[in-house]
Protein backbone atom coordinates (compact mmCIF):
# COMPACT_ATOMS: atom_id res chain seq x y z
CA MET A 1 34.13 95.41 82.53
CA THR A 2 31.73 94.60 79.71
CA THR A 3 28.96 92.08 80.36
CA THR A 4 27.40 89.88 77.66
CA PHE A 5 23.61 89.50 77.67
CA ASP A 6 23.14 87.71 74.34
CA THR A 7 21.19 84.78 75.84
CA VAL A 8 19.24 86.74 78.43
CA GLU A 9 15.58 87.76 78.04
CA PRO A 10 14.95 91.54 77.70
CA LEU A 11 13.16 91.79 81.05
CA GLN A 12 16.02 89.98 82.73
CA VAL A 13 18.53 92.32 81.09
CA LYS A 14 16.74 95.32 82.59
CA GLU A 15 16.80 93.77 86.06
CA ILE A 16 20.42 92.64 85.82
CA VAL A 17 21.59 96.06 84.63
CA TYR A 18 19.63 97.75 87.42
CA ARG A 19 21.14 95.49 90.07
CA LYS A 20 24.67 95.77 88.74
CA LEU A 21 24.49 99.55 88.63
CA ARG A 22 22.83 99.69 92.06
CA ASP A 23 25.56 97.52 93.57
CA ALA A 24 28.27 99.60 91.88
CA LEU A 25 26.82 102.73 93.48
CA VAL A 26 26.60 101.12 96.91
CA GLU A 27 30.18 99.85 96.67
CA HIS A 28 31.46 103.30 95.58
CA GLU A 29 32.60 102.08 92.18
CA PHE A 30 30.86 105.34 91.30
CA PRO A 31 31.71 107.67 94.21
CA PRO A 32 29.22 110.37 95.25
CA GLY A 33 29.03 113.09 92.62
CA THR A 34 30.24 110.91 89.75
CA SER A 35 28.57 111.70 86.42
CA LEU A 36 26.57 108.72 85.12
CA ARG A 37 26.60 109.11 81.34
CA GLU A 38 24.40 106.70 79.43
CA VAL A 39 26.93 106.12 76.67
CA THR A 40 29.67 105.24 79.17
CA LEU A 41 27.41 102.92 81.14
CA SER A 42 26.19 101.25 77.94
CA ALA A 43 29.78 100.42 77.04
CA ARG A 44 30.58 99.26 80.57
CA TYR A 45 27.67 96.82 80.74
CA GLY A 46 27.51 95.90 77.06
CA VAL A 47 23.89 96.93 76.54
CA SER A 48 21.93 99.60 74.68
CA LYS A 49 21.01 102.89 76.30
CA THR A 50 17.42 101.77 76.97
CA PRO A 51 18.06 99.47 79.97
CA ILE A 52 20.60 101.99 81.28
CA ARG A 53 18.05 104.79 81.09
CA GLU A 54 15.41 102.66 82.82
CA ALA A 55 17.87 101.63 85.52
CA LEU A 56 18.73 105.27 86.20
CA VAL A 57 15.04 106.11 86.60
CA ARG A 58 14.65 103.31 89.16
CA LEU A 59 17.81 104.35 90.96
CA GLU A 60 16.60 107.93 91.14
CA HIS A 61 13.44 106.58 92.79
CA ASP A 62 15.64 104.62 95.21
CA GLY A 63 17.45 107.84 96.05
CA LEU A 64 20.85 106.59 94.87
CA VAL A 65 20.95 108.79 91.77
CA GLU A 66 20.28 112.51 91.29
CA VAL A 67 19.08 113.84 87.95
CA ALA A 68 19.37 117.55 87.18
CA PRO A 69 17.91 119.24 84.07
CA TYR A 70 20.53 119.72 81.33
CA ARG A 71 23.19 118.11 83.54
CA GLY A 72 22.13 114.47 83.50
CA ALA A 73 22.47 111.87 86.21
CA ARG A 74 25.10 111.60 88.91
CA ALA A 75 25.72 109.40 91.93
CA ARG A 76 23.89 110.93 94.88
CA VAL A 77 25.84 113.15 97.24
CA TYR A 78 24.72 112.90 100.87
CA SER A 79 24.48 115.86 103.21
CA VAL A 80 24.97 115.81 106.98
CA ALA A 81 21.20 116.17 107.34
CA ASP A 82 20.69 113.12 105.10
CA ALA A 83 22.98 111.05 107.33
CA ARG A 84 21.16 112.16 110.46
CA GLU A 85 17.77 111.25 108.98
CA LEU A 86 18.97 107.83 107.82
CA PHE A 87 20.36 107.00 111.24
CA ALA A 88 17.24 108.26 113.00
CA ALA A 89 15.19 105.82 110.92
CA ARG A 90 17.70 103.05 111.55
CA GLY A 91 17.57 103.66 115.30
CA ILE A 92 13.78 103.42 115.45
CA LEU A 93 13.79 100.10 113.61
CA GLU A 94 16.77 98.52 115.34
CA ARG A 95 15.55 99.33 118.84
CA GLU A 96 12.38 97.39 118.06
CA CYS A 97 14.52 94.60 116.62
CA VAL A 98 16.44 94.35 119.90
CA ARG A 99 13.19 93.96 121.81
CA LEU A 100 11.96 91.29 119.40
CA VAL A 101 15.23 89.37 119.50
CA ALA A 102 15.08 89.45 123.30
CA ALA A 103 11.56 87.99 123.20
CA ALA A 104 12.39 85.41 120.51
CA GLY A 105 14.97 83.53 122.57
CA ASP A 106 17.91 81.48 121.37
CA GLY A 107 17.20 81.29 117.62
CA HIS A 108 18.22 84.80 116.63
CA LEU A 109 20.82 85.02 119.38
CA SER A 110 22.66 81.95 118.12
CA ARG A 111 22.75 83.42 114.60
CA LEU A 112 24.05 86.72 115.96
CA ARG A 113 26.73 84.96 118.01
CA ALA A 114 27.84 82.91 114.98
CA ASN A 115 28.00 86.12 112.94
CA ILE A 116 30.20 87.78 115.58
CA ASP A 117 32.56 84.80 115.60
CA ALA A 118 32.88 84.82 111.79
CA THR A 119 33.44 88.58 111.69
CA ARG A 120 36.10 88.38 114.39
CA GLU A 121 37.88 85.66 112.44
CA ALA A 122 37.82 87.87 109.33
CA LEU A 123 39.27 90.82 111.23
CA GLU A 124 41.97 88.70 112.85
CA SER A 125 43.08 87.64 109.37
CA SER A 126 42.84 91.27 108.11
CA ASP A 127 40.16 90.32 105.58
CA LEU A 128 38.35 93.66 105.66
CA ALA A 129 36.03 92.76 102.77
CA ALA A 130 34.72 89.70 104.65
CA ALA A 131 34.53 91.72 107.88
CA ALA A 132 32.41 94.38 106.16
CA VAL A 133 30.04 91.69 104.90
CA GLY A 134 29.83 90.24 108.40
CA LEU A 135 29.02 93.58 110.00
CA ASP A 136 26.28 94.18 107.43
CA GLU A 137 24.88 90.68 107.99
CA PHE A 138 24.59 91.41 111.72
CA ASP A 139 22.11 94.15 110.84
CA ASP A 140 20.30 91.81 108.42
CA ILE A 141 19.83 89.24 111.19
CA MET A 142 18.52 91.93 113.52
CA PHE A 143 16.11 93.28 110.90
CA ALA A 144 14.84 89.76 110.14
CA ALA A 145 13.33 89.70 113.63
CA LEU A 146 10.68 92.18 112.43
CA ASP A 147 9.21 89.51 110.10
CA ASN A 148 7.08 92.13 108.35
CA ARG A 149 6.85 92.28 104.56
CA MET A 150 5.92 95.95 104.37
CA LEU A 151 8.71 96.96 106.72
CA GLY A 152 11.02 94.63 104.81
CA GLU A 153 10.61 96.71 101.67
CA LEU A 154 11.43 99.86 103.64
CA ILE A 155 14.46 98.21 105.24
CA ASP A 156 15.78 97.01 101.88
CA ARG A 157 15.83 100.59 100.61
CA LEU A 158 17.22 101.99 103.85
CA SER A 159 19.99 99.37 103.85
CA LEU A 160 21.19 100.49 100.42
CA HIS A 161 21.87 103.96 101.78
CA LEU A 162 23.33 102.78 105.07
CA ARG A 163 25.76 100.47 103.30
CA ARG A 164 26.74 103.19 100.86
CA LEU A 165 27.34 105.61 103.72
CA GLY A 166 29.16 102.85 105.59
CA LYS A 167 31.94 102.89 103.00
CA MET A 168 32.92 106.27 104.43
CA GLY A 169 35.34 105.95 107.32
CA ALA A 170 35.51 102.16 106.95
CA GLY A 171 38.67 100.40 108.08
CA GLN A 172 40.22 98.03 110.61
CA ARG A 173 39.78 100.31 113.61
CA ARG A 174 36.19 101.23 112.81
CA PHE A 175 35.32 97.60 112.15
CA GLU A 176 36.89 96.47 115.43
CA GLU A 177 34.89 99.08 117.34
CA SER A 178 31.67 98.01 115.64
CA LEU A 179 32.37 94.35 116.37
CA ALA A 180 32.99 95.14 120.03
CA GLN A 181 29.66 96.99 120.16
CA HIS A 182 27.84 94.13 118.41
CA THR A 183 29.37 91.74 120.94
CA ALA A 184 28.18 93.90 123.83
CA ILE A 185 24.64 94.03 122.40
CA VAL A 186 24.47 90.26 122.12
CA GLY A 187 26.06 89.78 125.55
CA ALA A 188 23.42 91.99 127.13
CA LEU A 189 20.63 90.12 125.32
CA GLU A 190 22.01 86.74 126.38
CA ALA A 191 21.99 88.01 129.97
CA GLY A 192 18.38 89.18 129.64
CA ARG A 193 19.28 92.88 129.92
CA THR A 194 17.25 94.34 127.07
CA ASP A 195 17.51 97.97 128.20
CA GLU A 196 21.30 97.66 128.34
CA ALA A 197 21.35 96.17 124.83
CA ILE A 198 19.33 99.13 123.54
CA ALA A 199 21.68 101.58 125.28
CA VAL A 200 24.70 99.91 123.64
CA LEU A 201 22.90 99.99 120.28
CA ASP A 202 22.27 103.73 120.66
CA SER A 203 25.94 104.31 121.52
CA HIS A 204 27.00 102.21 118.53
CA LEU A 205 24.80 104.12 116.08
CA ALA A 206 25.95 107.47 117.48
CA SER A 207 29.62 106.54 117.08
CA VAL A 208 29.18 105.32 113.49
CA LEU A 209 27.17 108.42 112.60
CA GLU A 210 29.88 110.66 114.08
CA VAL A 211 32.51 109.08 111.81
CA GLN A 212 30.34 109.43 108.73
CA ILE A 213 29.43 113.04 109.47
CA ALA A 214 33.13 113.83 109.83
CA GLU A 215 33.81 112.22 106.44
CA LEU A 216 30.92 114.07 104.78
CA SER A 217 32.01 117.37 106.26
CA ALA A 218 35.61 116.90 105.17
CA ALA A 219 34.51 116.11 101.63
CA SER A 220 32.03 118.95 101.24
CA GLY A 221 33.14 121.62 103.71
CA GLU A 222 29.68 121.40 105.25
CA ASP A 223 29.24 122.37 108.91
CA PRO A 224 29.07 119.04 110.82
CA SER A 225 26.51 120.55 113.21
CA ALA A 226 24.08 121.28 110.33
């Protein structure tokens, strides 16, 4: 779809193009390994090659795009090792979030409970798009407990990759399992059992990672134990 930027300032155009291309990568509109040709992207977004080129440079810095000499840019392909590293980082951060939510009291817990209710409603009506948003928002609420600007910048970047990976193996069954695990985490926190909540979190992350490693291995032929 072509976008018109006739009334938008040049600096805004650069930011809009960057965000649109970033979101397209995260949502797998450009699946891993897809060639990202400047001329094609220029036509898609209705802009010159300059903002496309600048967006690709930023996205390479974000780790969403790979650029090879003489081959150009392509949507990043994740390895099993990449997935393991991303989830190791996620685990470190989310365990601390659980502790902070436990200490914070009802504020974060009420937001998490409301999120669970909305996500369950989406799944019961088979609205997988809304359910996916709800599951992602659960993590956003958890991460907000850190209340740290420097960590926030790190989390924003990490979340891009986690959401992109999360498109692999997504579906009703996976979403229902994740919702059940989110519910158990919140239930343990409401009961004051922080260690139990962390144990459920670890089990949740391990199960999601297992699904994504299986998907990566099937796509690439890579040894899942790598």
